[in-house]
């Protein structure tokens, strides 16, 4: 699969995840925030708690080679935390006074199975 096709596939499943989370009460703030060394697929806000939600979207066609969420390695988690911290600083948010969490949306079976894992990544 070429780079263009991977990007197109990634964009498709990121939009599917954004639509799913919107139906669950989250509001999209930004898609594909990118810095050197990191990217956040979706930045959303939980409407009930006003919590910022940094979302990593992972897709696998099937689970023969494992669950999509398993691909969020410790290294990837560190990059997400660093990128989210820089995004909050860019927004002039006080990191110590801002409620935020890291979620993973794992998508399998061509989008027929969506699993939303809240607080999937913790600092430390």
N, C-alpha and C. Protein backbone atom coordinates (compact mmCIF):
# COMPACT_ATOMS: atom_id res chain seq x y z
N UNK A 1 0.85 -1.17 0.00
CA UNK A 1 0.00 0.00 0.00
C UNK A 1 0.89 1.23 0.00
N UNK A 2 0.65 2.15 -0.92
CA UNK A 2 1.46 3.35 -1.02
C UNK A 2 1.14 4.36 0.06
N UNK A 3 2.02 5.35 0.17
CA UNK A 3 1.86 6.39 1.17
C UNK A 3 0.53 7.12 1.02
N UNK A 4 0.15 7.44 -0.23
CA UNK A 4 -1.10 8.15 -0.47
C UNK A 4 -2.28 7.33 0.04
N UNK A 5 -2.27 6.03 -0.25
CA UNK A 5 -3.37 5.17 0.18
C UNK A 5 -3.43 5.05 1.70
N UNK A 6 -2.27 4.99 2.37
CA UNK A 6 -2.24 4.93 3.85
C UNK A 6 -2.80 6.22 4.44
N UNK A 7 -2.42 7.35 3.86
CA UNK A 7 -2.94 8.64 4.34
C UNK A 7 -4.44 8.72 4.14
N UNK A 8 -4.90 8.30 2.97
CA UNK A 8 -6.34 8.33 2.67
C UNK A 8 -7.09 7.40 3.63
N UNK A 9 -6.55 6.22 3.86
CA UNK A 9 -7.17 5.27 4.79
C UNK A 9 -7.17 5.85 6.20
N UNK A 10 -6.04 6.42 6.63
CA UNK A 10 -5.95 7.02 7.95
C UNK A 10 -6.94 8.14 8.13
N UNK A 11 -7.05 9.00 7.15
CA UNK A 11 -7.99 10.12 7.22
C UNK A 11 -9.43 9.63 7.32
N UNK A 12 -9.73 8.57 6.57
CA UNK A 12 -11.07 8.00 6.59
C UNK A 12 -11.43 7.51 7.99
N UNK A 13 -10.53 6.75 8.62
CA UNK A 13 -10.83 6.19 9.93
C UNK A 13 -10.75 7.25 11.04
N UNK A 14 -9.94 8.26 10.86
CA UNK A 14 -9.93 9.36 11.82
C UNK A 14 -11.27 10.09 11.78
N UNK A 15 -11.82 10.30 10.59
CA UNK A 15 -13.12 10.95 10.47
C UNK A 15 -14.21 10.06 11.06
N UNK A 16 -14.12 8.76 10.82
CA UNK A 16 -15.08 7.82 11.41
C UNK A 16 -15.04 7.90 12.93
N UNK A 17 -13.83 7.96 13.50
CA UNK A 17 -13.68 8.08 14.95
C UNK A 17 -14.23 9.41 15.45
N UNK A 18 -13.94 10.50 14.74
CA UNK A 18 -14.44 11.82 15.14
C UNK A 18 -15.97 11.84 15.14
N UNK A 19 -16.58 11.24 14.12
CA UNK A 19 -18.05 11.17 14.06
C UNK A 19 -18.60 10.35 15.22
N UNK A 20 -17.97 9.22 15.49
CA UNK A 20 -18.40 8.35 16.60
C UNK A 20 -18.32 9.10 17.93
N UNK A 21 -17.19 9.75 18.19
CA UNK A 21 -17.00 10.46 19.46
C UNK A 21 -17.95 11.65 19.56
N UNK A 22 -18.23 12.30 18.45
CA UNK A 22 -19.20 13.40 18.46
C UNK A 22 -20.59 12.91 18.87
N UNK A 23 -20.95 11.73 18.40
CA UNK A 23 -22.25 11.16 18.81
C UNK A 23 -22.26 10.81 20.29
N UNK A 24 -21.07 10.63 20.89
CA UNK A 24 -20.97 10.31 22.32
C UNK A 24 -20.88 11.57 23.18
N UNK A 25 -20.97 12.75 22.57
CA UNK A 25 -20.98 14.00 23.32
C UNK A 25 -19.69 14.79 23.31
N UNK A 26 -18.68 14.37 22.53
CA UNK A 26 -17.44 15.12 22.44
C UNK A 26 -17.53 16.10 21.27
N UNK A 27 -16.79 17.19 21.38
CA UNK A 27 -16.77 18.22 20.34
C UNK A 27 -15.36 18.29 19.76
N UNK A 28 -15.27 18.24 18.45
CA UNK A 28 -13.98 18.30 17.78
C UNK A 28 -13.40 19.71 17.88
N UNK A 29 -12.14 19.78 18.29
CA UNK A 29 -11.42 21.05 18.35
C UNK A 29 -10.42 21.14 17.20
N UNK A 30 -9.68 20.05 16.98
CA UNK A 30 -8.65 20.07 15.94
C UNK A 30 -8.33 18.64 15.51
N UNK A 31 -7.96 18.52 14.23
CA UNK A 31 -7.53 17.23 13.68
C UNK A 31 -6.08 17.34 13.24
N UNK A 32 -5.35 16.26 13.44
CA UNK A 32 -3.99 16.11 12.93
C UNK A 32 -3.06 17.26 13.32
N UNK A 33 -3.02 17.56 14.61
CA UNK A 33 -2.04 18.54 15.10
C UNK A 33 -0.67 17.87 15.02
N UNK A 34 0.26 18.52 14.32
CA UNK A 34 1.56 17.91 14.06
C UNK A 34 2.69 18.86 14.44
N UNK A 35 3.67 18.29 15.11
CA UNK A 35 4.94 18.97 15.38
C UNK A 35 6.03 17.98 14.98
N UNK A 36 7.25 18.46 14.95
CA UNK A 36 8.33 17.54 14.64
C UNK A 36 8.41 16.51 15.77
N UNK A 37 8.28 15.26 15.41
CA UNK A 37 8.38 14.19 16.40
C UNK A 37 7.05 13.76 17.00
N UNK A 38 5.94 14.32 16.53
CA UNK A 38 4.68 13.89 17.11
C UNK A 38 3.46 14.41 16.38
N UNK A 39 2.36 13.67 16.53
CA UNK A 39 1.09 14.06 15.94
C UNK A 39 -0.02 13.57 16.85
N UNK A 40 -1.06 14.37 16.94
CA UNK A 40 -2.27 13.95 17.65
C UNK A 40 -3.37 13.89 16.60
N UNK A 41 -4.02 12.74 16.50
CA UNK A 41 -5.04 12.55 15.47
C UNK A 41 -6.24 13.47 15.69
N UNK A 42 -6.78 13.45 16.90
CA UNK A 42 -7.97 14.26 17.21
C UNK A 42 -7.79 14.93 18.56
N UNK A 43 -8.18 16.19 18.63
CA UNK A 43 -8.24 16.89 19.91
C UNK A 43 -9.70 17.29 20.07
N UNK A 44 -10.30 16.81 21.16
CA UNK A 44 -11.73 17.01 21.37
C UNK A 44 -11.97 17.51 22.78
N UNK A 45 -13.21 17.91 23.03
CA UNK A 45 -13.58 18.33 24.37
C UNK A 45 -14.80 17.54 24.78
N UNK A 46 -14.72 16.97 25.98
CA UNK A 46 -15.85 16.23 26.54
C UNK A 46 -16.86 17.26 27.01
N UNK A 47 -18.03 17.24 26.42
CA UNK A 47 -19.04 18.25 26.70
C UNK A 47 -19.55 18.28 28.13
N UNK A 48 -19.56 17.14 28.80
CA UNK A 48 -20.08 17.10 30.16
C UNK A 48 -19.10 17.66 31.17
N UNK A 49 -17.84 17.31 31.03
CA UNK A 49 -16.84 17.68 32.04
C UNK A 49 -15.91 18.80 31.58
N UNK A 50 -16.01 19.22 30.32
CA UNK A 50 -15.12 20.22 29.75
C UNK A 50 -13.67 19.74 29.71
N UNK A 51 -13.46 18.44 29.80
CA UNK A 51 -12.13 17.85 29.75
C UNK A 51 -11.62 17.83 28.32
N UNK A 52 -10.37 18.23 28.11
CA UNK A 52 -9.74 18.08 26.81
C UNK A 52 -9.42 16.60 26.62
N UNK A 53 -9.65 16.10 25.42
CA UNK A 53 -9.40 14.69 25.13
C UNK A 53 -8.50 14.61 23.90
N UNK A 54 -7.30 14.06 24.12
CA UNK A 54 -6.35 13.84 23.03
C UNK A 54 -6.53 12.39 22.59
N UNK A 55 -6.88 12.21 21.32
CA UNK A 55 -7.29 10.90 20.83
C UNK A 55 -6.31 10.36 19.80
N UNK A 56 -5.86 9.13 20.04
CA UNK A 56 -5.06 8.39 19.06
C UNK A 56 -5.99 7.38 18.40
N UNK A 57 -6.07 7.43 17.07
CA UNK A 57 -6.94 6.52 16.32
C UNK A 57 -6.06 5.44 15.70
N UNK A 58 -6.44 4.19 15.94
CA UNK A 58 -5.70 3.06 15.38
C UNK A 58 -6.67 2.14 14.64
N UNK A 59 -6.26 1.74 13.44
CA UNK A 59 -7.09 0.86 12.61
C UNK A 59 -6.32 -0.40 12.24
N UNK A 60 -7.01 -1.50 12.35
CA UNK A 60 -6.53 -2.77 11.79
C UNK A 60 -7.71 -3.43 11.10
N UNK A 61 -7.42 -3.99 9.95
CA UNK A 61 -8.49 -4.62 9.18
C UNK A 61 -9.15 -5.74 9.98
N UNK A 62 -8.34 -6.50 10.73
CA UNK A 62 -8.87 -7.56 11.58
C UNK A 62 -7.92 -7.72 12.76
N UNK A 63 -8.25 -8.63 13.65
CA UNK A 63 -7.45 -8.80 14.87
C UNK A 63 -6.55 -10.03 14.83
N UNK A 64 -6.32 -10.59 13.64
CA UNK A 64 -5.44 -11.76 13.54
C UNK A 64 -4.05 -11.51 14.09
N UNK A 65 -3.57 -10.29 13.94
CA UNK A 65 -2.21 -9.96 14.41
C UNK A 65 -2.25 -9.09 15.66
N UNK A 66 -3.36 -9.12 16.37
CA UNK A 66 -3.49 -8.36 17.61
C UNK A 66 -4.48 -7.22 17.50
N UNK A 67 -4.77 -6.66 18.64
CA UNK A 67 -5.71 -5.56 18.76
C UNK A 67 -5.05 -4.26 18.29
N UNK A 68 -5.80 -3.40 17.66
CA UNK A 68 -5.24 -2.14 17.15
C UNK A 68 -4.63 -1.30 18.26
N UNK A 69 -5.23 -1.31 19.44
CA UNK A 69 -4.72 -0.49 20.55
C UNK A 69 -3.33 -0.94 21.00
N UNK A 70 -2.97 -2.19 20.72
CA UNK A 70 -1.66 -2.69 21.12
C UNK A 70 -0.52 -1.99 20.38
N UNK A 71 -0.84 -1.30 19.30
CA UNK A 71 0.20 -0.62 18.53
C UNK A 71 0.59 0.73 19.14
N UNK A 72 -0.10 1.13 20.20
CA UNK A 72 0.26 2.37 20.90
C UNK A 72 1.33 2.00 21.93
N UNK A 73 2.56 2.03 21.48
CA UNK A 73 3.70 1.61 22.30
C UNK A 73 4.02 2.67 23.35
N UNK A 74 4.90 2.30 24.27
CA UNK A 74 5.34 3.24 25.31
C UNK A 74 6.00 4.46 24.66
N UNK A 75 6.78 4.24 23.62
CA UNK A 75 7.42 5.34 22.90
C UNK A 75 6.37 6.26 22.27
N UNK A 76 5.36 5.67 21.64
CA UNK A 76 4.28 6.45 21.04
C UNK A 76 3.55 7.25 22.11
N UNK A 77 3.35 6.66 23.28
CA UNK A 77 2.68 7.35 24.37
C UNK A 77 3.47 8.58 24.80
N UNK A 78 4.79 8.43 24.92
CA UNK A 78 5.63 9.58 25.30
C UNK A 78 5.53 10.70 24.26
N UNK A 79 5.51 10.34 22.98
CA UNK A 79 5.38 11.34 21.92
C UNK A 79 4.02 12.04 22.01
N UNK A 80 2.97 11.28 22.30
CA UNK A 80 1.63 11.88 22.42
C UNK A 80 1.57 12.86 23.59
N UNK A 81 2.14 12.47 24.72
CA UNK A 81 2.14 13.33 25.90
C UNK A 81 2.92 14.62 25.61
N UNK A 82 4.07 14.48 24.99
CA UNK A 82 4.89 15.65 24.65
C UNK A 82 4.15 16.57 23.67
N UNK A 83 3.53 15.99 22.67
CA UNK A 83 2.81 16.77 21.67
C UNK A 83 1.61 17.48 22.29
N UNK A 84 0.88 16.79 23.15
CA UNK A 84 -0.28 17.39 23.82
C UNK A 84 0.16 18.55 24.71
N UNK A 85 1.27 18.37 25.40
CA UNK A 85 1.79 19.43 26.26
C UNK A 85 2.12 20.68 25.44
N UNK A 86 2.75 20.48 24.30
CA UNK A 86 3.09 21.61 23.44
C UNK A 86 1.84 22.26 22.86
N UNK A 87 0.82 21.46 22.52
CA UNK A 87 -0.44 22.02 22.02
C UNK A 87 -1.08 22.90 23.09
N UNK A 88 -1.11 22.42 24.33
CA UNK A 88 -1.72 23.20 25.41
C UNK A 88 -0.94 24.50 25.65
N UNK A 89 0.37 24.43 25.59
CA UNK A 89 1.18 25.65 25.74
C UNK A 89 0.88 26.64 24.60
N UNK A 90 0.74 26.12 23.40
CA UNK A 90 0.42 26.96 22.25
C UNK A 90 -0.93 27.65 22.43
N UNK A 91 -1.85 26.98 23.11
CA UNK A 91 -3.18 27.53 23.37
C UNK A 91 -3.20 28.42 24.61
N UNK A 92 -2.03 28.59 25.26
CA UNK A 92 -1.89 29.38 26.48
C UNK A 92 -2.74 28.82 27.62
N UNK A 93 -2.80 27.50 27.70
CA UNK A 93 -3.52 26.84 28.78
C UNK A 93 -2.55 26.52 29.91
N UNK A 94 -3.02 26.64 31.11
CA UNK A 94 -2.24 26.25 32.28
C UNK A 94 -2.37 24.74 32.41
N UNK A 95 -1.31 24.02 32.14
CA UNK A 95 -1.35 22.56 32.12
C UNK A 95 -1.76 22.00 33.47
N UNK A 96 -1.31 22.63 34.55
CA UNK A 96 -1.64 22.14 35.89
C UNK A 96 -3.09 22.38 36.26
N UNK A 97 -3.75 23.33 35.59
CA UNK A 97 -5.13 23.66 35.92
C UNK A 97 -6.12 23.18 34.87
N UNK A 98 -5.64 22.45 33.87
CA UNK A 98 -6.50 21.99 32.77
C UNK A 98 -6.75 20.50 32.91
N UNK A 99 -8.02 20.12 32.86
CA UNK A 99 -8.37 18.70 32.88
C UNK A 99 -8.18 18.14 31.47
N UNK A 100 -7.43 17.06 31.36
CA UNK A 100 -7.24 16.43 30.06
C UNK A 100 -6.98 14.94 30.26
N UNK A 101 -7.18 14.21 29.19
CA UNK A 101 -6.91 12.77 29.21
C UNK A 101 -6.53 12.32 27.80
N UNK A 102 -6.00 11.11 27.74
CA UNK A 102 -5.60 10.51 26.47
C UNK A 102 -6.44 9.27 26.23
N UNK A 103 -7.17 9.26 25.13
CA UNK A 103 -8.00 8.13 24.76
C UNK A 103 -7.46 7.49 23.49
N UNK A 104 -7.83 6.24 23.30
CA UNK A 104 -7.52 5.53 22.06
C UNK A 104 -8.84 5.04 21.47
N UNK A 105 -9.00 5.23 20.18
CA UNK A 105 -10.12 4.64 19.46
C UNK A 105 -9.53 3.58 18.55
N UNK A 106 -9.88 2.32 18.84
CA UNK A 106 -9.41 1.18 18.05
C UNK A 106 -10.53 0.76 17.10
N UNK A 107 -10.20 0.68 15.82
CA UNK A 107 -11.19 0.35 14.80
C UNK A 107 -10.74 -0.92 14.09
N UNK A 108 -11.67 -1.86 13.97
CA UNK A 108 -11.41 -3.13 13.28
C UNK A 108 -12.54 -3.41 12.29
N UNK A 109 -12.33 -4.42 11.48
CA UNK A 109 -13.37 -4.93 10.58
C UNK A 109 -13.96 -3.84 9.69
N UNK A 110 -13.07 -3.11 9.02
CA UNK A 110 -13.47 -2.07 8.07
C UNK A 110 -14.43 -1.05 8.69
N UNK A 111 -14.26 -0.79 9.98
CA UNK A 111 -15.07 0.21 10.65
C UNK A 111 -16.32 -0.30 11.31
N UNK A 112 -16.56 -1.61 11.21
CA UNK A 112 -17.77 -2.18 11.82
C UNK A 112 -17.62 -2.37 13.33
N UNK A 113 -16.39 -2.36 13.82
CA UNK A 113 -16.15 -2.50 15.26
C UNK A 113 -15.29 -1.32 15.72
N UNK A 114 -15.89 -0.48 16.57
CA UNK A 114 -15.18 0.68 17.12
C UNK A 114 -15.15 0.53 18.62
N UNK A 115 -13.94 0.60 19.18
CA UNK A 115 -13.78 0.51 20.63
C UNK A 115 -13.12 1.78 21.13
N UNK A 116 -13.80 2.45 22.06
CA UNK A 116 -13.30 3.70 22.63
C UNK A 116 -12.73 3.40 24.00
N UNK A 117 -11.44 3.59 24.15
CA UNK A 117 -10.74 3.29 25.40
C UNK A 117 -10.38 4.62 26.05
N UNK A 118 -11.12 4.98 27.09
CA UNK A 118 -10.88 6.24 27.81
C UNK A 118 -9.68 6.06 28.74
N UNK A 119 -8.94 7.15 28.93
CA UNK A 119 -7.77 7.14 29.82
C UNK A 119 -6.80 6.00 29.49
N UNK A 120 -6.59 5.77 28.20
CA UNK A 120 -5.76 4.66 27.76
C UNK A 120 -4.28 4.92 28.01
N UNK A 121 -3.92 6.17 28.12
CA UNK A 121 -2.51 6.54 28.28
C UNK A 121 -2.40 7.40 29.54
N UNK A 122 -1.49 7.01 30.40
CA UNK A 122 -1.26 7.81 31.60
C UNK A 122 0.20 8.24 31.63
N UNK A 123 0.43 9.38 32.19
CA UNK A 123 1.82 9.85 32.31
C UNK A 123 2.55 8.98 33.30
N UNK A 124 3.82 8.75 33.01
CA UNK A 124 4.62 7.98 33.97
C UNK A 124 5.20 6.75 33.44
